[in-house]
C-alpha atoms as a PDB file:
ATOM      1  CA  MET A   1       6.944 -23.645 -55.135  1.00  0.00           C
ATOM      2  CA  ILE A   2      10.681 -22.949 -55.812  1.00  0.00           C
ATOM      3  CA  LEU A   3      10.588 -19.935 -53.459  1.00  0.00           C
ATOM      4  CA  PHE A   4       8.882 -22.032 -50.768  1.00  0.00           C
ATOM      5  CA  GLN A   5      11.593 -24.713 -51.111  1.00  0.00           C
ATOM      6  CA  ALA A   6      14.260 -21.955 -50.869  1.00  0.00           C
ATOM      7  CA  ILE A   7      12.805 -20.547 -47.689  1.00  0.00           C
ATOM      8  CA  GLN A   8      12.685 -24.078 -46.152  1.00  0.00           C
ATOM      9  CA  ASP A   9      16.255 -24.679 -47.030  1.00  0.00           C
ATOM     10  CA  ASN A  10      17.770 -21.328 -46.081  1.00  0.00           C
ATOM     11  CA  ALA A  11      17.260 -20.378 -42.430  1.00  0.00           C
ATOM     12  CA  VAL A  12      18.412 -16.729 -42.973  1.00  0.00           C
ATOM     13  CA  LEU A  13      15.929 -16.329 -45.746  1.00  0.00           C
ATOM     14  CA  PHE A  14      13.211 -17.994 -43.696  1.00  0.00           C
ATOM     15  CA  TYR A  15      13.619 -15.645 -40.719  1.00  0.00           C
ATOM     16  CA  GLY A  16      14.110 -12.603 -42.975  1.00  0.00           C
ATOM     17  CA  VAL A  17      10.845 -13.280 -44.696  1.00  0.00           C
ATOM     18  CA  VAL A  18       9.060 -13.756 -41.378  1.00  0.00           C
ATOM     19  CA  ALA A  19      10.544 -10.508 -39.943  1.00  0.00           C
ATOM     20  CA  PHE A  20       9.600  -8.564 -43.050  1.00  0.00           C
ATOM     21  CA  LEU A  21       5.985  -9.787 -43.006  1.00  0.00           C
ATOM     22  CA  GLY A  22       5.806  -9.190 -39.287  1.00  0.00           C
ATOM     23  CA  LEU A  23       6.793  -5.616 -39.583  1.00  0.00           C
ATOM     24  CA  PHE A  24       4.453  -4.734 -42.475  1.00  0.00           C
ATOM     25  CA  VAL A  25       1.577  -6.663 -41.134  1.00  0.00           C
ATOM     26  CA  GLY A  26       2.114  -4.953 -37.824  1.00  0.00           C
ATOM     27  CA  SER A  27       1.780  -1.662 -39.699  1.00  0.00           C
ATOM     28  CA  PHE A  28      -1.514  -2.919 -41.027  1.00  0.00           C
ATOM     29  CA  LEU A  29      -2.640  -4.046 -37.624  1.00  0.00           C
ATOM     30  CA  ASN A  30      -2.267  -0.486 -36.385  1.00  0.00           C
ATOM     31  CA  VAL A  31      -4.884   0.368 -38.915  1.00  0.00           C
ATOM     32  CA  VAL A  32      -7.193  -2.365 -37.903  1.00  0.00           C
ATOM     33  CA  ILE A  33      -6.798  -1.571 -34.199  1.00  0.00           C
ATOM     34  CA  TYR A  34      -7.802   2.055 -34.757  1.00  0.00           C
ATOM     35  CA  ARG A  35     -10.308   1.788 -37.492  1.00  0.00           C
ATOM     36  CA  MET A  36     -12.291  -1.469 -36.648  1.00  0.00           C
ATOM     37  CA  PRO A  37     -13.969   0.026 -33.448  1.00  0.00           C
ATOM     38  CA  VAL A  38     -14.777   3.168 -35.422  1.00  0.00           C
ATOM     39  CA  MET A  39     -16.352   1.051 -38.113  1.00  0.00           C
ATOM     40  CA  MET A  40     -18.410  -0.870 -35.587  1.00  0.00           C
ATOM     41  CA  HIS A  41     -19.490   2.452 -33.996  1.00  0.00           C
ATOM     42  CA  ASN A  42     -20.593   3.802 -37.465  1.00  0.00           C
ATOM     43  CA  GLU A  43     -22.522   0.592 -38.131  1.00  0.00           C
ATOM     44  CA  TRP A  44     -24.306   0.882 -34.771  1.00  0.00           C
ATOM     45  CA  ARG A  45     -25.170   4.561 -35.501  1.00  0.00           C
ATOM     46  CA  GLU A  46     -26.428   3.656 -38.927  1.00  0.00           C
ATOM     47  CA  ALA A  47     -28.586   0.888 -37.454  1.00  0.00           C
ATOM     48  CA  MET A  48     -29.997   3.345 -34.995  1.00  0.00           C
ATOM     49  CA  ARG A  49     -30.687   5.856 -37.796  1.00  0.00           C
ATOM     50  CA  GLU A  50     -32.524   3.229 -39.808  1.00  0.00           C
ATOM     51  CA  MET A  51     -34.613   2.210 -36.719  1.00  0.00           C
ATOM     52  CA  ALA A  52     -35.447   5.877 -36.118  1.00  0.00           C
ATOM     53  CA  ALA A  53     -36.576   6.289 -39.703  1.00  0.00           C
ATOM     54  CA  GLU A  54     -38.709   3.181 -39.545  1.00  0.00           C
ATOM     55  CA  GLU A  55     -40.337   4.277 -36.329  1.00  0.00           C
ATOM     56  CA  ALA A  56     -40.973   7.741 -37.724  1.00  0.00           C
ATOM     57  CA  LEU A  57     -42.679   6.246 -40.805  1.00  0.00           C
ATOM     58  CA  SER A  58     -44.734   3.882 -38.671  1.00  0.00           C
ATOM     59  CA  GLN A  59     -45.999   6.884 -36.745  1.00  0.00           C
ATOM     60  CA  SER A  60     -46.711   8.778 -39.987  1.00  0.00           C
ATOM     61  CA  THR A  61     -44.243  11.520 -39.023  1.00  0.00           C
ATOM     62  CA  ASP A  62     -43.050  13.772 -41.841  1.00  0.00           C
ATOM     63  CA  VAL A  63     -39.312  12.886 -41.792  1.00  0.00           C
ATOM     64  CA  GLU A  64     -36.911  13.142 -44.701  1.00  0.00           C
ATOM     65  CA  LEU A  65     -33.378  11.646 -44.372  1.00  0.00           C
ATOM     66  CA  THR A  66     -30.851  12.846 -46.962  1.00  0.00           C
ATOM     67  CA  ASP A  67     -27.575  11.429 -47.942  1.00  0.00           C
ATOM     68  CA  THR A  68     -25.863  14.039 -45.808  1.00  0.00           C
ATOM     69  CA  ASP A  69     -27.296  12.177 -42.715  1.00  0.00           C
ATOM     70  CA  ALA A  70     -25.308   9.130 -43.617  1.00  0.00           C
ATOM     71  CA  PRO A  71     -21.689   8.871 -42.149  1.00  0.00           C
ATOM     72  CA  GLU A  72     -18.725   9.359 -44.429  1.00  0.00           C
ATOM     73  CA  LYS A  73     -17.472   6.091 -45.947  1.00  0.00           C
ATOM     74  CA  PHE A  74     -14.932   4.694 -43.453  1.00  0.00           C
ATOM     75  CA  ASN A  75     -13.316   1.205 -43.683  1.00  0.00           C
ATOM     76  CA  LEU A  76      -9.857  -0.272 -43.454  1.00  0.00           C
ATOM     77  CA  SER A  77      -8.809   1.331 -46.832  1.00  0.00           C
ATOM     78  CA  VAL A  78     -10.904   4.508 -47.040  1.00  0.00           C
ATOM     79  CA  PRO A  79     -10.056   7.235 -46.302  1.00  0.00           C
ATOM     80  CA  ARG A  80      -6.346   7.444 -46.712  1.00  0.00           C
ATOM     81  CA  SER A  81      -4.308   7.757 -43.511  1.00  0.00           C
ATOM     82  CA  ARG A  82      -3.623  11.292 -42.552  1.00  0.00           C
ATOM     83  CA  CYS A  83      -2.452  13.384 -39.670  1.00  0.00           C
ATOM     84  CA  PRO A  84      -5.310  13.823 -37.129  1.00  0.00           C
ATOM     85  CA  LYS A  85      -4.265  17.524 -36.485  1.00  0.00           C
ATOM     86  CA  CYS A  86      -3.499  18.992 -39.914  1.00  0.00           C
ATOM     87  CA  ASN A  87      -5.157  16.322 -42.104  1.00  0.00           C
ATOM     88  CA  ASN A  88      -1.978  16.067 -44.185  1.00  0.00           C
ATOM     89  CA  PRO A  89      -2.063  12.760 -46.019  1.00  0.00           C
ATOM     90  CA  ILE A  90       0.606  10.203 -45.116  1.00  0.00           C
ATOM     91  CA  THR A  91       2.687   9.272 -48.114  1.00  0.00           C
ATOM     92  CA  TRP A  92       4.075   5.732 -48.735  1.00  0.00           C
ATOM     93  CA  TRP A  93       7.531   6.602 -47.531  1.00  0.00           C
ATOM     94  CA  GLN A  94       6.125   8.007 -44.283  1.00  0.00           C
ATOM     95  CA  ASN A  95       4.362   4.676 -43.788  1.00  0.00           C
ATOM     96  CA  ILE A  96       7.386   2.327 -43.752  1.00  0.00           C
ATOM     97  CA  PRO A  97       7.369   0.317 -40.456  1.00  0.00           C
ATOM     98  CA  VAL A  98       9.546   1.712 -37.683  1.00  0.00           C
ATOM     99  CA  LEU A  99      11.929   3.407 -40.189  1.00  0.00           C
ATOM    100  CA  SER A 100       9.501   6.141 -41.092  1.00  0.00           C
ATOM    101  CA  TRP A 101       8.709   6.914 -37.419  1.00  0.00           C
ATOM    102  CA  LEU A 102      12.503   7.166 -36.659  1.00  0.00           C
ATOM    103  CA  ALA A 103      13.088   9.381 -39.759  1.00  0.00           C
ATOM    104  CA  LEU A 104      10.327  11.664 -38.815  1.00  0.00           C
ATOM    105  CA  ARG A 105      11.572  11.675 -35.214  1.00  0.00           C
ATOM    106  CA  GLY A 106       8.068  10.780 -34.082  1.00  0.00           C
ATOM    107  CA  LYS A 107       6.390  13.909 -35.461  1.00  0.00           C
ATOM    108  CA  CYS A 108       4.190  14.772 -38.463  1.00  0.00           C
ATOM    109  CA  LEU A 109       6.300  16.152 -41.246  1.00  0.00           C
ATOM    110  CA  ASN A 110       3.874  19.048 -41.911  1.00  0.00           C
ATOM    111  CA  CYS A 111       2.618  20.273 -38.487  1.00  0.00           C
ATOM    112  CA  LYS A 112       5.137  18.529 -36.158  1.00  0.00           C
ATOM    113  CA  ASN A 113       2.297  16.957 -34.191  1.00  0.00           C
ATOM    114  CA  PRO A 114       3.699  14.009 -32.184  1.00  0.00           C
ATOM    115  CA  ILE A 115       3.184  10.539 -33.537  1.00  0.00           C
ATOM    116  CA  SER A 116       2.505   8.078 -30.775  1.00  0.00           C
ATOM    117  CA  VAL A 117       5.427   5.655 -30.152  1.00  0.00           C
ATOM    118  CA  ARG A 118       2.703   2.976 -29.857  1.00  0.00           C
ATOM    119  CA  TYR A 119       2.759   2.513 -33.659  1.00  0.00           C
ATOM    120  CA  PRO A 120       6.359   1.294 -34.024  1.00  0.00           C
ATOM    121  CA  ILE A 121       5.998  -0.653 -30.782  1.00  0.00           C
ATOM    122  CA  ILE A 122       3.148  -2.662 -32.193  1.00  0.00           C
ATOM    123  CA  GLU A 123       5.102  -3.284 -35.444  1.00  0.00           C
ATOM    124  CA  LEU A 124       8.116  -4.546 -33.522  1.00  0.00           C
ATOM    125  CA  VAL A 125       6.106  -6.641 -31.203  1.00  0.00           C
ATOM    126  CA  THR A 126       4.325  -8.278 -34.128  1.00  0.00           C
ATOM    127  CA  MET A 127       7.660  -9.028 -35.810  1.00  0.00           C
ATOM    128  CA  VAL A 128       9.174 -10.419 -32.631  1.00  0.00           C
ATOM    129  CA  LEU A 129       6.131 -12.693 -31.858  1.00  0.00           C
ATOM    130  CA  SER A 130       6.123 -13.845 -35.407  1.00  0.00           C
ATOM    131  CA  LEU A 131       9.814 -14.667 -35.243  1.00  0.00           C
ATOM    132  CA  ILE A 132       9.211 -16.574 -31.935  1.00  0.00           C
ATOM    133  CA  VAL A 133       6.577 -18.706 -33.618  1.00  0.00           C
ATOM    134  CA  ALA A 134       8.958 -19.323 -36.608  1.00  0.00           C
ATOM    135  CA  TRP A 135      11.773 -20.360 -34.267  1.00  0.00           C
ATOM    136  CA  GLN A 136       9.520 -22.754 -32.260  1.00  0.00           C
ATOM    137  CA  LEU A 137       7.697 -24.388 -35.263  1.00  0.00           C
ATOM    138  CA  GLY A 138      10.143 -24.022 -38.197  1.00  0.00           C
ATOM    139  CA  PRO A 139       9.214 -23.768 -41.781  1.00  0.00           C
ATOM    140  CA  THR A 140       6.003 -25.770 -41.546  1.00  0.00           C
ATOM    141  CA  LEU A 141       2.286 -25.487 -42.090  1.00  0.00           C
ATOM    142  CA  GLN A 142       1.912 -25.120 -38.297  1.00  0.00           C
ATOM    143  CA  CYS A 143       4.274 -22.090 -38.389  1.00  0.00           C
ATOM    144  CA  ALA A 144       2.195 -20.424 -41.235  1.00  0.00           C
ATOM    145  CA  LEU A 145      -1.058 -20.944 -39.209  1.00  0.00           C
ATOM    146  CA  GLY A 146       0.649 -19.934 -35.953  1.00  0.00           C
ATOM    147  CA  ILE A 147       1.848 -16.627 -37.391  1.00  0.00           C
ATOM    148  CA  LEU A 148      -1.570 -15.838 -38.815  1.00  0.00           C
ATOM    149  CA  VAL A 149      -3.030 -16.666 -35.355  1.00  0.00           C
ATOM    150  CA  THR A 150      -0.482 -14.314 -33.800  1.00  0.00           C
ATOM    151  CA  TRP A 151      -1.582 -11.441 -35.927  1.00  0.00           C
ATOM    152  CA  PHE A 152      -5.248 -11.995 -35.105  1.00  0.00           C
ATOM    153  CA  LEU A 153      -4.401 -12.074 -31.341  1.00  0.00           C
ATOM    154  CA  VAL A 154      -2.240  -8.954 -31.404  1.00  0.00           C
ATOM    155  CA  SER A 155      -5.099  -6.940 -33.044  1.00  0.00           C
ATOM    156  CA  MET A 156      -7.740  -8.337 -30.650  1.00  0.00           C
ATOM    157  CA  THR A 157      -5.552  -7.769 -27.609  1.00  0.00           C
ATOM    158  CA  MET A 158      -5.188  -4.011 -28.391  1.00  0.00           C
ATOM    159  CA  ILE A 159      -8.734  -3.415 -29.390  1.00  0.00           C
ATOM    160  CA  ASP A 160      -9.967  -5.046 -26.172  1.00  0.00           C
ATOM    161  CA  PHE A 161      -7.430  -3.070 -24.142  1.00  0.00           C
ATOM    162  CA  ASP A 162      -8.568   0.145 -25.677  1.00  0.00           C
ATOM    163  CA  HIS A 163     -12.312  -0.337 -25.913  1.00  0.00           C
ATOM    164  CA  GLN A 164     -13.151  -3.372 -23.913  1.00  0.00           C
ATOM    165  CA  LEU A 165     -14.675  -5.275 -26.937  1.00  0.00           C
ATOM    166  CA  LEU A 166     -13.661  -8.150 -29.147  1.00  0.00           C
ATOM    167  CA  PRO A 167     -15.152  -7.752 -32.642  1.00  0.00           C
ATOM    168  CA  ASP A 168     -17.074 -10.575 -34.282  1.00  0.00           C
ATOM    169  CA  ASN A 169     -15.130  -9.649 -37.477  1.00  0.00           C
ATOM    170  CA  LEU A 170     -12.052 -11.022 -35.804  1.00  0.00           C
ATOM    171  CA  THR A 171     -13.166 -13.683 -33.319  1.00  0.00           C
ATOM    172  CA  LEU A 172     -15.499 -15.598 -35.664  1.00  0.00           C
ATOM    173  CA  PRO A 173     -13.118 -15.802 -38.725  1.00  0.00           C
ATOM    174  CA  LEU A 174     -10.439 -17.078 -36.261  1.00  0.00           C
ATOM    175  CA  MET A 175     -12.787 -19.793 -35.104  1.00  0.00           C
ATOM    176  CA  TRP A 176     -13.579 -20.841 -38.704  1.00  0.00           C
ATOM    177  CA  ILE A 177      -9.860 -20.873 -39.569  1.00  0.00           C
ATOM    178  CA  GLY A 178      -9.313 -23.198 -36.686  1.00  0.00           C
ATOM    179  CA  LEU A 179     -12.215 -25.511 -37.762  1.00  0.00           C
ATOM    180  CA  ILE A 180     -11.005 -25.623 -41.354  1.00  0.00           C
ATOM    181  CA  ALA A 181      -7.415 -26.194 -40.322  1.00  0.00           C
ATOM    182  CA  SER A 182      -8.388 -29.116 -38.252  1.00  0.00           C
ATOM    183  CA  LEU A 183      -9.563 -30.900 -41.419  1.00  0.00           C
ATOM    184  CA  ILE A 184      -5.962 -31.276 -42.506  1.00  0.00           C
ATOM    185  CA  PRO A 185      -5.140 -31.371 -39.533  1.00  0.00           C
ATOM    186  CA  VAL A 186      -2.693 -28.686 -38.304  1.00  0.00           C
ATOM    187  CA  PHE A 187      -2.677 -28.307 -34.574  1.00  0.00           C
ATOM    188  CA  THR A 188      -5.552 -30.731 -33.759  1.00  0.00           C
ATOM    189  CA  ASP A 189      -8.048 -33.013 -35.484  1.00  0.00           C
ATOM    190  CA  ILE A 190     -11.652 -32.063 -36.372  1.00  0.00           C
ATOM    191  CA  ARG A 191     -13.275 -33.935 -33.471  1.00  0.00           C
ATOM    192  CA  SER A 192     -11.146 -32.149 -30.980  1.00  0.00           C
ATOM    193  CA  ALA A 193     -11.631 -28.769 -32.682  1.00  0.00           C
ATOM    194  CA  VAL A 194     -15.430 -29.049 -32.731  1.00  0.00           C
ATOM    195  CA  ILE A 195     -15.502 -30.043 -29.009  1.00  0.00           C
ATOM    196  CA  GLY A 196     -12.969 -27.331 -28.201  1.00  0.00           C
ATOM    197  CA  ALA A 197     -15.102 -24.645 -29.854  1.00  0.00           C
ATOM    198  CA  ALA A 198     -18.217 -25.735 -28.052  1.00  0.00           C
ATOM    199  CA  CYS A 199     -16.589 -26.295 -24.639  1.00  0.00           C
ATOM    200  CA  GLY A 200     -14.624 -22.968 -24.945  1.00  0.00           C
ATOM    201  CA  TYR A 201     -17.781 -20.984 -25.516  1.00  0.00           C
ATOM    202  CA  LEU A 202     -19.889 -22.834 -22.899  1.00  0.00           C
ATOM    203  CA  ALA A 203     -17.208 -22.726 -20.217  1.00  0.00           C
ATOM    204  CA  LEU A 204     -17.099 -18.850 -20.015  1.00  0.00           C
ATOM    205  CA  TRP A 205     -20.848 -18.650 -20.832  1.00  0.00           C
ATOM    206  CA  CYS A 206     -21.453 -20.644 -17.553  1.00  0.00           C
ATOM    207  CA  VAL A 207     -18.998 -18.579 -15.578  1.00  0.00           C
ATOM    208  CA  PHE A 208     -20.585 -15.410 -16.813  1.00  0.00           C
ATOM    209  CA  HIS A 209     -24.128 -16.443 -15.769  1.00  0.00           C
ATOM    210  CA  LEU A 210     -22.961 -17.903 -12.479  1.00  0.00           C
ATOM    211  CA  PHE A 211     -21.136 -14.685 -11.656  1.00  0.00           C
ATOM    212  CA  LYS A 212     -24.124 -12.576 -12.688  1.00  0.00           C
ATOM    213  CA  LEU A 213     -26.446 -14.729 -10.583  1.00  0.00           C
ATOM    214  CA  ILE A 214     -24.253 -14.310  -7.505  1.00  0.00           C
ATOM    215  CA  THR A 215     -23.225 -10.651  -7.823  1.00  0.00           C
ATOM    216  CA  GLY A 216     -25.797  -9.136 -10.195  1.00  0.00           C
ATOM    217  CA  LYS A 217     -22.993  -7.872 -12.375  1.00  0.00           C
ATOM    218  CA  GLU A 218     -21.586  -8.972 -15.736  1.00  0.00           C
ATOM    219  CA  GLY A 219     -18.015 -10.139 -15.226  1.00  0.00           C
ATOM    220  CA  MET A 220     -17.062 -10.430 -18.959  1.00  0.00           C
ATOM    221  CA  GLY A 221     -18.361  -9.849 -22.452  1.00  0.00           C
ATOM    222  CA  TYR A 222     -19.634 -12.298 -25.112  1.00  0.00           C
ATOM    223  CA  GLY A 223     -16.527 -11.616 -27.156  1.00  0.00           C
ATOM    224  CA  ASP A 224     -14.493 -13.462 -24.537  1.00  0.00           C
ATOM    225  CA  PHE A 225     -16.694 -16.546 -25.067  1.00  0.00           C
ATOM    226  CA  LYS A 226     -16.145 -16.411 -28.787  1.00  0.00           C
ATOM    227  CA  LEU A 227     -12.347 -15.905 -28.371  1.00  0.00           C
ATOM    228  CA  LEU A 228     -12.052 -18.970 -26.181  1.00  0.00           C
ATOM    229  CA  ALA A 229     -14.192 -20.891 -28.699  1.00  0.00           C
ATOM    230  CA  ALA A 230     -11.832 -19.821 -31.443  1.00  0.00           C
ATOM    231  CA  LEU A 231      -8.792 -20.957 -29.358  1.00  0.00           C
ATOM    232  CA  GLY A 232     -10.614 -24.302 -28.686  1.00  0.00           C
ATOM    233  CA  ALA A 233     -11.163 -24.827 -32.334  1.00  0.00           C
ATOM    234  CA  LEU A 234      -7.521 -24.062 -33.171  1.00  0.00           C
ATOM    235  CA  LEU A 235      -5.853 -26.067 -30.567  1.00  0.00           C
ATOM    236  CA  GLY A 236      -8.430 -28.654 -29.402  1.00  0.00           C
ATOM    237  CA  TRP A 237     -10.360 -29.126 -26.187  1.00  0.00           C
ATOM    238  CA  GLN A 238      -7.248 -30.606 -24.569  1.00  0.00           C
ATOM    239  CA  GLN A 239      -5.597 -27.179 -24.417  1.00  0.00           C
ATOM    240  CA  LEU A 240      -8.561 -25.330 -22.839  1.00  0.00           C
ATOM    241  CA  PRO A 241      -7.615 -26.146 -19.194  1.00  0.00           C
ATOM    242  CA  VAL A 242      -4.147 -24.683 -19.826  1.00  0.00           C
ATOM    243  CA  ILE A 243      -5.521 -21.473 -21.476  1.00  0.00           C
ATOM    244  CA  ILE A 244      -8.144 -20.942 -18.760  1.00  0.00           C
ATOM    245  CA  LEU A 245      -5.669 -21.535 -15.906  1.00  0.00           C
ATOM    246  CA  LEU A 246      -2.964 -19.216 -17.466  1.00  0.00           C
ATOM    247  CA  SER A 247      -5.369 -16.488 -18.394  1.00  0.00           C
ATOM    248  CA  SER A 248      -7.056 -16.525 -14.969  1.00  0.00           C
ATOM    249  CA  LEU A 249      -3.698 -16.512 -13.144  1.00  0.00           C
ATOM    250  CA  VAL A 250      -2.207 -13.720 -15.123  1.00  0.00           C
ATOM    251  CA  GLY A 251      -5.524 -11.763 -15.045  1.00  0.00           C
ATOM    252  CA  ALA A 252      -5.667 -12.027 -11.236  1.00  0.00           C
ATOM    253  CA  VAL A 253      -2.052 -11.025 -10.707  1.00  0.00           C
ATOM    254  CA  VAL A 254      -2.320  -7.989 -13.056  1.00  0.00           C
ATOM    255  CA  GLY A 255      -5.692  -6.909 -11.670  1.00  0.00           C
ATOM    256  CA  LEU A 256      -4.655  -7.112  -8.072  1.00  0.00           C
ATOM    257  CA  SER A 257      -1.316  -5.306  -8.876  1.00  0.00           C
ATOM    258  CA  LEU A 258      -3.187  -2.464 -10.583  1.00  0.00           C
ATOM    259  CA  ILE A 259      -5.393  -2.096  -7.525  1.00  0.00           C
ATOM    260  CA  ALA A 260      -2.639  -2.362  -5.004  1.00  0.00           C
ATOM    261  CA  PHE A 261       0.251  -0.394  -6.618  1.00  0.00           C
ATOM    262  CA  VAL A 262      -1.424   1.881  -9.181  1.00  0.00           C
ATOM    263  CA  GLY A 263      -4.560   2.671  -7.184  1.00  0.00           C
ATOM    264  CA  ARG A 264      -6.970   1.633  -9.973  1.00  0.00           C
ATOM    265  CA  ASP A 265     -10.599   1.621  -8.869  1.00  0.00           C
ATOM    266  CA  LYS A 266     -11.714  -2.001  -8.444  1.00  0.00           C
ATOM    267  CA  ASN A 267     -15.082  -1.093  -9.828  1.00  0.00           C
ATOM    268  CA  ILE A 268     -13.592  -0.248 -13.251  1.00  0.00           C
ATOM    269  CA  PRO A 269     -13.701  -3.387 -15.334  1.00  0.00           C
ATOM    270  CA  ILE A 270     -10.407  -4.890 -16.701  1.00  0.00           C
ATOM    271  CA  PRO A 271     -10.677  -6.514 -20.120  1.00  0.00           C
ATOM    272  CA  PHE A 272     -10.143 -10.256 -20.051  1.00  0.00           C
ATOM    273  CA  GLY A 273      -9.490 -10.685 -23.706  1.00  0.00           C
ATOM    274  CA  PRO A 274      -5.797  -9.774 -23.656  1.00  0.00           C
ATOM    275  CA  TYR A 275      -5.150 -12.444 -20.995  1.00  0.00           C
ATOM    276  CA  LEU A 276      -7.032 -15.096 -23.064  1.00  0.00           C
ATOM    277  CA  ALA A 277      -5.095 -14.090 -26.108  1.00  0.00           C
ATOM    278  CA  ALA A 278      -1.709 -14.311 -24.319  1.00  0.00           C
ATOM    279  CA  ALA A 279      -2.625 -17.617 -22.743  1.00  0.00           C
ATOM    280  CA  GLY A 280      -3.860 -18.968 -26.132  1.00  0.00           C
ATOM    281  CA  TRP A 281      -0.684 -17.948 -27.791  1.00  0.00           C
ATOM    282  CA  ILE A 282       1.522 -19.548 -25.121  1.00  0.00           C
ATOM    283  CA  ALA A 283      -0.577 -22.713 -25.227  1.00  0.00           C
ATOM    284  CA  MET A 284      -0.122 -22.838 -29.014  1.00  0.00           C
ATOM    285  CA  LEU A 285       3.661 -23.052 -28.678  1.00  0.00           C
ATOM    286  CA  TRP A 286       4.251 -24.644 -25.264  1.00  0.00           C
ATOM    287  CA  GLY A 287       0.761 -26.007 -24.146  1.00  0.00           C
ATOM    288  CA  GLU A 288       1.758 -29.672 -24.075  1.00  0.00           C
ATOM    289  CA  LYS A 289       4.972 -28.984 -22.227  1.00  0.00           C
ATOM    290  CA  ILE A 290       3.161 -26.826 -19.627  1.00  0.00           C
ATOM    291  CA  ALA A 291       0.417 -29.491 -19.198  1.00  0.00           C
ATOM    292  CA  ASN A 292       2.973 -32.384 -18.826  1.00  0.00           C
ATOM    293  CA  ALA A 293       5.068 -30.386 -16.349  1.00  0.00           C
ATOM    294  CA  TYR A 294       1.968 -29.517 -14.295  1.00  0.00           C
ATOM    295  CA  LEU A 295       0.704 -33.193 -14.306  1.00  0.00           C
ATOM    296  CA  GLY A 296       4.310 -34.453 -13.656  1.00  0.00           C
ATOM    297  CA  THR A 297       4.355 -32.408 -10.469  1.00  0.00           C
ATOM    298  CA  PHE A 298       1.580 -34.477  -9.019  1.00  0.00           C
ATOM    299  CA  ALA A 299       2.649 -37.764 -10.598  1.00  0.00           C
END
């Protein structure tokens, strides 16, 4: 309690704590971004293995599955981080956000294999976004929730960008966090949160099926529905038009730019999750101002 009061009273301490947490959580998000899709793939493979075993047993086939058939234990904490080339374990001092990468000059200490600059970039981006939330919302409960939401959105953005999937392990907890926070309330009340979650899911669900009916193709994934539902639960149904408008606008501009200037094949799908996440983050901080400015234009 005393520490919390000191953080509230001292701006330098407040921003320093936020920056420190942003960097170290950004380092953890690098682990989440890499490992969670692998964990999902392992779970899918294990489910297929169990189905194959059940089918073999139902057909009275002589099949024996040993422990060696099961994948090695792999989660957010096991195994320890190591160099992908030489398997040299990464020690604690080699895992300090940004500083370790600079000290190692972007290379493995043992085999000199390059370490992607993406790792420190994600750490810095997480810190900067957390500081922006702190600057906008101050030392409040809204700020604490806003920073937590920012961390969720950073991880989901990168996973969707890499693999075109939004894990239920991230979207659903974020939705429940929004619904529980609305009981206080933090960003919105419980009525607006429940309506926001339902309308957010159904809005993209309807777009998905309408697009599929017209074109015969799937324009987005179910993870997008769940992410918009989570944002609706966090911010209320009132912010959904702003989020949908911003995400669609940015998605269209980026998509057309990639086709026109980079030569990207228009048949290659572009993940929509990053645009939803960016729009949701902007709406969390400036949604009301954007809506008022938009409506004021036509007043």
